Amino acid sequence: MKLSILDLATIYNDETPTETLQNSTQLVQLADQLGYTRYWFAEHHNTTFQMSTSPDLLSAHAAAITKNIRIGSGGIMIPNHSPLKVVENFSLLEALYPGRIDLGMGRASGTDGLTNAVLRNSNEPLSGEMIMNQLTQILAFFDREFPKDHPYNKIKPSPDKSLRPELFMLGSSDGGMSIASQLGLGFAFAGQINPSIAIPMLKAYRKNFKPSKYLKEPYSMLAMIVICAETDEEAADIAGPAELQWARWMTGEYLSPPPTLEESRNHVYSEAEKQARKENKDKFIIGSPESVKAQINHLAEETEIDELIIANMISDKEARHKSYELLAKEFNLQN
């Protein structure tokens, strides 16, 4: 089983933004040394406690300080960007770091409506048709496949059309899955958001996959929150802040900073939070290395995935690094 990492560059424990990005820098270097397959940066805007606003810029930085690990976006949120600029940026990254760049794309904006309008410099309402048109333009720019009479046909995003990264669609519902299967793209399902439908969505992707110039065979990934420690008890402890944060989000509390370990240890859950915590249980894989491996292997068998991508939500830096080290050893990632 291949393991990878999704990073939102979350500000934990009253860190400065610079310290948060330094932590991401150290983690991607550790992941490279440990044998993780890829390291993706999410895209979120107008959030007080997340620094991952520009996956392309963070990817350029991460690729420059690593040697083997694949680097990319999880994802570039299509509604926020000019298709031409997406292709220019990722063609440039592919030229700088050949064979190591991924472009994961999502149909959501990753933000609120006003912020999305500002990003697009347009108040025109978004539609599924508009987003699909942007996606097809991205693919056409990469492959120089606009019709001869199309006005964009003469635009060259880069001097060499071979400068195309690996392409993935992201999804937490059937929309991204359908696009990925029909266009023959890789597919990454956000199990940390909607775990209840992960199995049917990932199986449907494989069943409906159509071979393409991008992939001859389906390639699927599942994102989950994975928290590992030496013992099940220790893992449950360090998972506390992430569980509390999700419980707060699910009960409408979005503005509080991410909880610290001490806060999660002392927190008394309200009845609504207890229910939310119970409902969120399937977003998490928590335990000792042996326990986590068994859970991942079972999930992989059920979903038929090629790779698990771990949503990085451990607030304590030392515990975060230890978790990834234990997983790498348990799964023999360096072999």
Protein backbone atom coordinates (compact mmCIF):
# COMPACT_ATOMS: atom_id res chain seq x y z
CA MET A 1 0.00 0.00 0.00
CA LYS A 2 1.35 3.40 -1.01
CA LEU A 3 0.97 6.17 1.57
CA SER A 4 0.93 9.91 0.92
CA ILE A 5 0.18 13.14 2.83
CA LEU A 6 -2.33 15.98 2.43
CA ASP A 7 -1.31 19.23 4.12
CA LEU A 8 -3.61 22.18 4.85
CA ALA A 9 -0.78 24.13 6.55
CA THR A 10 -2.91 24.60 9.65
CA ILE A 11 -1.79 27.02 12.34
CA TYR A 12 -1.62 25.02 15.59
CA ASN A 13 -0.74 25.99 19.16
CA ASP A 14 -0.58 29.77 18.57
CA GLU A 15 2.22 29.38 16.00
CA THR A 16 3.05 32.22 13.68
CA PRO A 17 2.26 31.74 9.99
CA THR A 18 5.99 31.50 9.33
CA GLU A 19 6.38 28.75 11.94
CA THR A 20 3.48 26.84 10.38
CA LEU A 21 5.10 26.92 6.95
CA GLN A 22 8.43 25.93 8.48
CA ASN A 23 6.64 22.91 9.99
CA SER A 24 5.27 21.98 6.57
CA THR A 25 8.78 22.34 5.16
CA GLN A 26 10.18 19.96 7.77
CA LEU A 27 7.34 17.47 7.32
CA VAL A 28 7.67 17.23 3.54
CA GLN A 29 11.41 16.67 3.94
CA LEU A 30 10.73 13.94 6.50
CA ALA A 31 8.14 12.34 4.23
CA ASP A 32 10.67 12.34 1.39
CA GLN A 33 13.22 10.57 3.58
CA LEU A 34 10.66 8.04 4.87
CA GLY A 35 9.49 6.93 1.43
CA TYR A 36 6.01 8.47 1.17
CA THR A 37 4.72 8.55 -2.42
CA ARG A 38 3.42 12.12 -2.68
CA TYR A 39 2.78 15.26 -0.68
CA TRP A 40 -0.17 17.44 -1.64
CA PHE A 41 -1.21 20.89 -0.52
CA ALA A 42 -4.89 21.79 -0.20
CA GLU A 43 -6.41 25.09 -1.32
CA HIS A 44 -8.49 27.12 1.12
CA HIS A 45 -9.21 30.85 1.25
CA ASN A 46 -10.47 33.34 3.84
CA THR A 47 -9.58 31.04 6.72
CA THR A 48 -7.95 32.37 9.87
CA PHE A 49 -5.98 29.24 10.77
CA GLN A 50 -4.85 27.76 7.43
CA MET A 51 -1.94 28.94 5.30
CA SER A 52 -2.47 26.74 2.24
CA THR A 53 -3.96 29.35 -0.08
CA SER A 54 -1.65 28.67 -3.04
CA PRO A 55 -0.83 25.00 -3.68
CA ASP A 56 1.23 25.89 -6.74
CA LEU A 57 3.56 28.17 -4.76
CA LEU A 58 3.85 25.69 -1.91
CA SER A 59 4.53 22.91 -4.43
CA ALA A 60 7.39 24.89 -5.96
CA HIS A 61 8.91 25.35 -2.52
CA ALA A 62 8.41 21.71 -1.48
CA ALA A 63 9.78 20.28 -4.71
CA ALA A 64 12.90 22.44 -4.39
CA ILE A 65 13.80 21.02 -0.97
CA THR A 66 13.04 17.33 -1.66
CA LYS A 67 14.48 14.69 -3.96
CA ASN A 68 12.12 11.79 -4.66
CA ILE A 69 8.62 12.41 -3.34
CA ARG A 70 5.94 13.56 -5.76
CA ILE A 71 4.60 17.05 -5.04
CA GLY A 72 1.36 18.72 -6.00
CA SER A 73 -2.10 20.05 -5.31
CA GLY A 74 -4.92 18.41 -3.46
CA GLY A 75 -6.22 20.36 -5.11
CA ILE A 76 -6.29 23.33 -7.36
CA MET A 77 -9.92 24.41 -7.03
CA ILE A 78 -11.04 24.96 -10.61
CA PRO A 79 -13.58 27.80 -10.04
CA ASN A 80 -10.90 30.06 -8.56
CA HIS A 81 -8.47 30.03 -11.47
CA SER A 82 -7.93 30.88 -15.10
CA PRO A 83 -7.45 27.56 -16.94
CA LEU A 84 -4.54 29.02 -18.88
CA LYS A 85 -2.77 30.12 -15.69
CA VAL A 86 -3.23 26.68 -14.09
CA VAL A 87 -1.59 25.05 -17.11
CA GLU A 88 1.21 27.61 -17.25
CA ASN A 89 2.03 27.16 -13.56
CA PHE A 90 1.98 23.37 -13.55
CA SER A 91 3.82 23.08 -16.87
CA LEU A 92 6.51 25.25 -15.31
CA LEU A 93 6.64 23.03 -12.23
CA GLU A 94 6.86 19.93 -14.42
CA ALA A 95 9.77 21.48 -16.33
CA LEU A 96 11.57 22.33 -13.09
CA TYR A 97 10.96 18.94 -11.44
CA PRO A 98 10.33 16.42 -14.25
CA GLY A 99 8.23 13.40 -13.30
CA ARG A 100 7.50 14.61 -9.77
CA ILE A 101 4.52 16.97 -10.14
CA ASP A 102 0.82 16.21 -9.62
CA LEU A 103 -2.17 18.38 -10.48
CA GLY A 104 -5.15 17.35 -8.41
CA MET A 105 -8.25 19.37 -9.32
CA GLY A 106 -11.47 19.99 -7.42
CA ARG A 107 -14.83 21.36 -8.53
CA ALA A 108 -15.56 23.22 -5.28
CA SER A 109 -14.17 26.67 -4.57
CA GLY A 110 -12.74 25.87 -1.13
CA THR A 111 -14.16 29.09 0.22
CA ASP A 112 -17.29 31.21 0.61
CA GLY A 113 -19.17 32.77 -2.27
CA LEU A 114 -17.90 36.32 -1.75
CA THR A 115 -14.26 35.26 -1.58
CA ASN A 116 -14.71 33.12 -4.68
CA ALA A 117 -16.19 36.10 -6.53
CA VAL A 118 -13.19 38.21 -5.52
CA LEU A 119 -10.77 35.48 -6.63
CA ARG A 120 -12.52 35.27 -10.01
CA ASN A 121 -13.02 39.05 -10.21
CA SER A 122 -16.59 38.27 -11.21
CA ASN A 123 -20.01 38.25 -9.57
CA GLU A 124 -21.46 35.92 -12.20
CA PRO A 125 -23.01 32.92 -10.44
CA LEU A 126 -21.06 29.70 -10.83
CA SER A 127 -22.66 26.72 -12.52
CA GLY A 128 -21.63 23.13 -13.02
CA GLU A 129 -21.44 23.79 -16.76
CA MET A 130 -18.99 26.67 -16.21
CA ILE A 131 -16.75 24.54 -14.01
CA MET A 132 -16.80 21.67 -16.49
CA ASN A 133 -15.91 24.10 -19.26
CA GLN A 134 -12.93 25.31 -17.24
CA LEU A 135 -11.77 21.72 -16.72
CA THR A 136 -12.00 20.90 -20.42
CA GLN A 137 -10.03 24.05 -21.18
CA ILE A 138 -7.28 22.96 -18.76
CA LEU A 139 -7.02 19.61 -20.52
CA ALA A 140 -7.13 21.23 -23.96
CA PHE A 141 -4.38 23.70 -23.05
CA PHE A 142 -2.15 20.90 -21.79
CA ASP A 143 -2.63 18.81 -24.93
CA ARG A 144 -3.00 21.63 -27.50
CA GLU A 145 -6.34 20.16 -28.51
CA PHE A 146 -8.59 23.14 -29.13
CA PRO A 147 -10.37 22.94 -32.50
CA LYS A 148 -8.57 24.76 -35.33
CA ASP A 149 -11.22 27.46 -35.44
CA HIS A 150 -11.21 28.00 -31.66
CA PRO A 151 -9.75 31.37 -30.63
CA TYR A 152 -7.55 29.66 -27.99
CA ASN A 153 -5.97 27.35 -30.53
CA LYS A 154 -3.01 29.67 -31.06
CA ILE A 155 -2.22 30.09 -27.36
CA LYS A 156 0.78 28.06 -26.18
CA PRO A 157 0.97 27.72 -22.37
CA SER A 158 4.55 26.42 -22.62
CA PRO A 159 7.09 25.67 -25.37
CA ASP A 160 6.64 21.90 -24.97
CA LYS A 161 3.27 20.16 -24.69
CA SER A 162 4.91 17.18 -22.98
CA LEU A 163 5.13 19.30 -19.82
CA ARG A 164 1.99 17.81 -18.30
CA PRO A 165 1.94 16.64 -14.67
CA GLU A 166 -0.02 13.62 -13.49
CA LEU A 167 -3.70 14.58 -13.43
CA PHE A 168 -6.27 13.69 -10.76
CA MET A 169 -9.85 14.67 -10.02
CA LEU A 170 -10.82 15.14 -6.40
CA GLY A 171 -14.26 14.43 -5.04
CA SER A 172 -16.41 13.88 -1.98
CA SER A 173 -19.48 12.87 -3.99
CA ASP A 174 -20.34 11.32 -7.34
CA GLY A 175 -19.52 14.47 -9.34
CA GLY A 176 -15.73 14.24 -9.25
CA MET A 177 -15.93 10.45 -9.53
CA SER A 178 -17.99 10.60 -12.72
CA ILE A 179 -15.64 13.08 -14.35
CA ALA A 180 -12.54 11.09 -13.41
CA SER A 181 -13.97 7.81 -14.70
CA GLN A 182 -15.31 9.26 -17.95
CA LEU A 183 -12.18 11.24 -18.80
CA GLY A 184 -9.77 8.53 -17.68
CA LEU A 185 -8.12 10.55 -14.91
CA GLY A 186 -6.84 9.47 -11.52
CA PHE A 187 -9.36 9.89 -8.70
CA ALA A 188 -8.87 10.92 -5.07
CA PHE A 189 -11.88 10.58 -2.78
CA ALA A 190 -12.14 12.80 0.32
CA GLY A 191 -12.96 10.19 2.93
CA GLN A 192 -12.11 12.69 5.67
CA ILE A 193 -15.18 14.64 4.51
CA ASN A 194 -17.69 12.00 3.43
CA PRO A 195 -16.56 8.53 4.54
CA SER A 196 -20.03 6.95 4.39
CA ILE A 197 -19.98 6.81 0.58
CA ALA A 198 -16.27 6.14 0.05
CA ILE A 199 -16.70 2.47 -0.82
CA PRO A 200 -19.47 2.88 -3.45
CA MET A 201 -17.80 5.92 -5.03
CA LEU A 202 -14.40 4.27 -5.36
CA LYS A 203 -15.90 1.05 -6.69
CA ALA A 204 -18.02 3.01 -9.19
CA TYR A 205 -14.90 4.82 -10.39
CA ARG A 206 -13.21 1.52 -11.21
CA LYS A 207 -16.32 0.02 -12.78
CA ASN A 208 -16.95 3.03 -15.05
CA PHE A 209 -13.34 3.95 -15.84
CA LYS A 210 -12.57 4.58 -19.50
CA PRO A 211 -8.92 4.24 -20.56
CA SER A 212 -7.43 7.46 -21.89
CA LYS A 213 -4.20 9.14 -22.92
CA TYR A 214 -3.76 9.95 -19.23
CA LEU A 215 -4.25 6.46 -17.77
CA LYS A 216 -4.71 3.01 -19.27
CA GLU A 217 -5.94 1.61 -15.95
CA PRO A 218 -7.87 3.28 -13.12
CA TYR A 219 -5.84 4.74 -10.27
CA SER A 220 -7.67 5.63 -7.08
CA MET A 221 -6.73 7.22 -3.77
CA LEU A 222 -8.61 7.63 -0.51
CA ALA A 223 -7.96 10.47 1.92
CA MET A 224 -8.45 9.77 5.63
CA ILE A 225 -7.29 11.22 8.93
CA VAL A 226 -4.72 8.73 10.23
CA ILE A 227 -3.24 9.10 13.70
CA CYS A 228 -0.67 6.58 14.88
CA ALA A 229 1.32 6.22 18.10
CA GLU A 230 3.16 3.48 19.96
CA THR A 231 -0.04 2.33 21.70
CA ASP A 232 -3.76 2.61 21.05
CA GLU A 233 -4.12 4.69 24.21
CA GLU A 234 -1.46 7.19 23.18
CA ALA A 235 -2.95 7.46 19.70
CA ALA A 236 -6.40 8.17 21.15
CA ASP A 237 -4.86 10.93 23.26
CA ILE A 238 -3.10 12.73 20.40
CA ALA A 239 -6.20 12.35 18.22
CA GLY A 240 -8.16 14.42 20.74
CA PRO A 241 -7.57 17.84 19.17
CA ALA A 242 -8.62 16.70 15.68
CA GLU A 243 -11.72 14.96 17.02
CA LEU A 244 -12.67 18.05 19.03
CA GLN A 245 -12.10 20.33 16.04
CA TRP A 246 -14.36 18.23 13.82
CA ALA A 247 -17.02 18.11 16.55
CA ARG A 248 -16.95 21.89 16.74
CA TRP A 249 -17.17 22.28 12.98
CA MET A 250 -20.15 19.91 12.87
CA THR A 251 -21.95 21.93 15.56
CA GLY A 252 -21.43 25.25 13.78
CA GLU A 253 -18.34 26.53 15.58
CA TYR A 254 -15.93 27.54 12.83
CA LEU A 255 -14.01 30.49 14.24
CA SER A 256 -12.20 28.95 17.22
CA PRO A 257 -8.50 28.12 16.81
CA PRO A 258 -7.57 24.45 16.48
CA PRO A 259 -7.60 22.88 19.95
CA THR A 260 -4.37 22.09 21.74
CA LEU A 261 -3.63 18.73 23.33
CA GLU A 262 -4.21 20.18 26.78
CA GLU A 263 -7.52 21.68 25.70
CA SER A 264 -8.78 18.42 24.22
CA ARG A 265 -7.76 16.51 27.34
CA ASN A 266 -9.75 18.86 29.57
CA HIS A 267 -12.73 19.48 27.31
CA VAL A 268 -16.18 18.36 28.44
CA TYR A 269 -18.20 17.51 25.34
CA SER A 270 -21.74 18.89 25.08
CA GLU A 271 -24.47 16.49 24.01
CA ALA A 272 -24.38 17.93 20.48
CA GLU A 273 -20.60 17.56 20.36
CA LYS A 274 -20.84 13.96 21.60
CA GLN A 275 -23.22 13.17 18.77
CA ALA A 276 -20.99 14.91 16.24
CA ARG A 277 -17.96 13.03 17.52
CA LYS A 278 -19.83 9.76 17.10
CA GLU A 279 -20.88 10.71 13.55
CA ASN A 280 -17.29 11.68 12.69
CA LYS A 281 -15.81 8.37 13.85
CA ASP A 282 -15.42 6.95 10.35
CA LYS A 283 -13.29 9.91 9.24
CA PHE A 284 -10.49 8.66 11.49
CA ILE A 285 -8.08 5.75 11.60
CA ILE A 286 -6.50 5.82 15.06
CA GLY A 287 -4.26 3.39 16.90
CA SER A 288 -0.95 1.60 17.27
CA PRO A 289 1.02 0.71 14.12
CA GLU A 290 -0.41 -2.80 14.05
CA SER A 291 -3.97 -1.59 14.60
CA VAL A 292 -3.70 1.18 12.00
CA LYS A 293 -2.21 -1.17 9.42
CA ALA A 294 -5.04 -3.64 9.92
CA GLN A 295 -7.64 -0.88 9.54
CA ILE A 296 -5.97 0.51 6.42
CA ASN A 297 -5.61 -2.90 4.82
CA HIS A 298 -9.27 -3.66 5.47
CA LEU A 299 -10.33 -0.32 4.01
CA ALA A 300 -8.07 -0.82 0.99
CA GLU A 301 -9.66 -4.19 0.33
CA GLU A 302 -13.16 -2.72 0.57
CA THR A 303 -12.45 0.31 -1.64
CA GLU A 304 -9.93 -1.30 -4.04
CA ILE A 305 -7.68 1.78 -3.79
CA ASP A 306 -4.10 2.00 -4.98
CA GLU A 307 -3.03 4.55 -2.38
CA LEU A 308 -4.04 6.14 0.94
CA ILE A 309 -3.47 9.85 1.40
CA ILE A 310 -3.31 10.97 5.02
CA ALA A 311 -4.95 14.24 6.02
CA ASN A 312 -2.43 15.90 8.33
CA MET A 313 -4.43 16.87 11.44
CA ILE A 314 -2.09 16.09 14.36
CA SER A 315 -1.64 19.31 16.30
CA ASP A 316 1.47 18.33 18.26
CA LYS A 317 4.57 18.53 16.05
CA GLU A 318 6.55 15.78 17.79
CA ALA A 319 3.57 13.41 17.75
CA ARG A 320 2.95 14.29 14.10
CA HIS A 321 6.45 13.30 13.04
CA LYS A 322 6.35 10.17 15.17
CA SER A 323 3.06 9.09 13.60
CA TYR A 324 4.48 9.29 10.08
CA GLU A 325 7.68 7.52 11.14
CA LEU A 326 5.73 4.63 12.71
CA LEU A 327 3.54 4.28 9.62
CA ALA A 328 6.53 4.28 7.29
CA LYS A 329 8.18 1.54 9.32
CA GLU A 330 5.00 -0.55 9.59
CA PHE A 331 4.35 -0.37 5.83
CA ASN A 332 8.02 -0.73 4.83
CA LEU A 333 7.83 2.39 2.70
CA GLN A 334 11.57 2.59 2.09
CA ASN A 335 11.79 -0.97 0.72
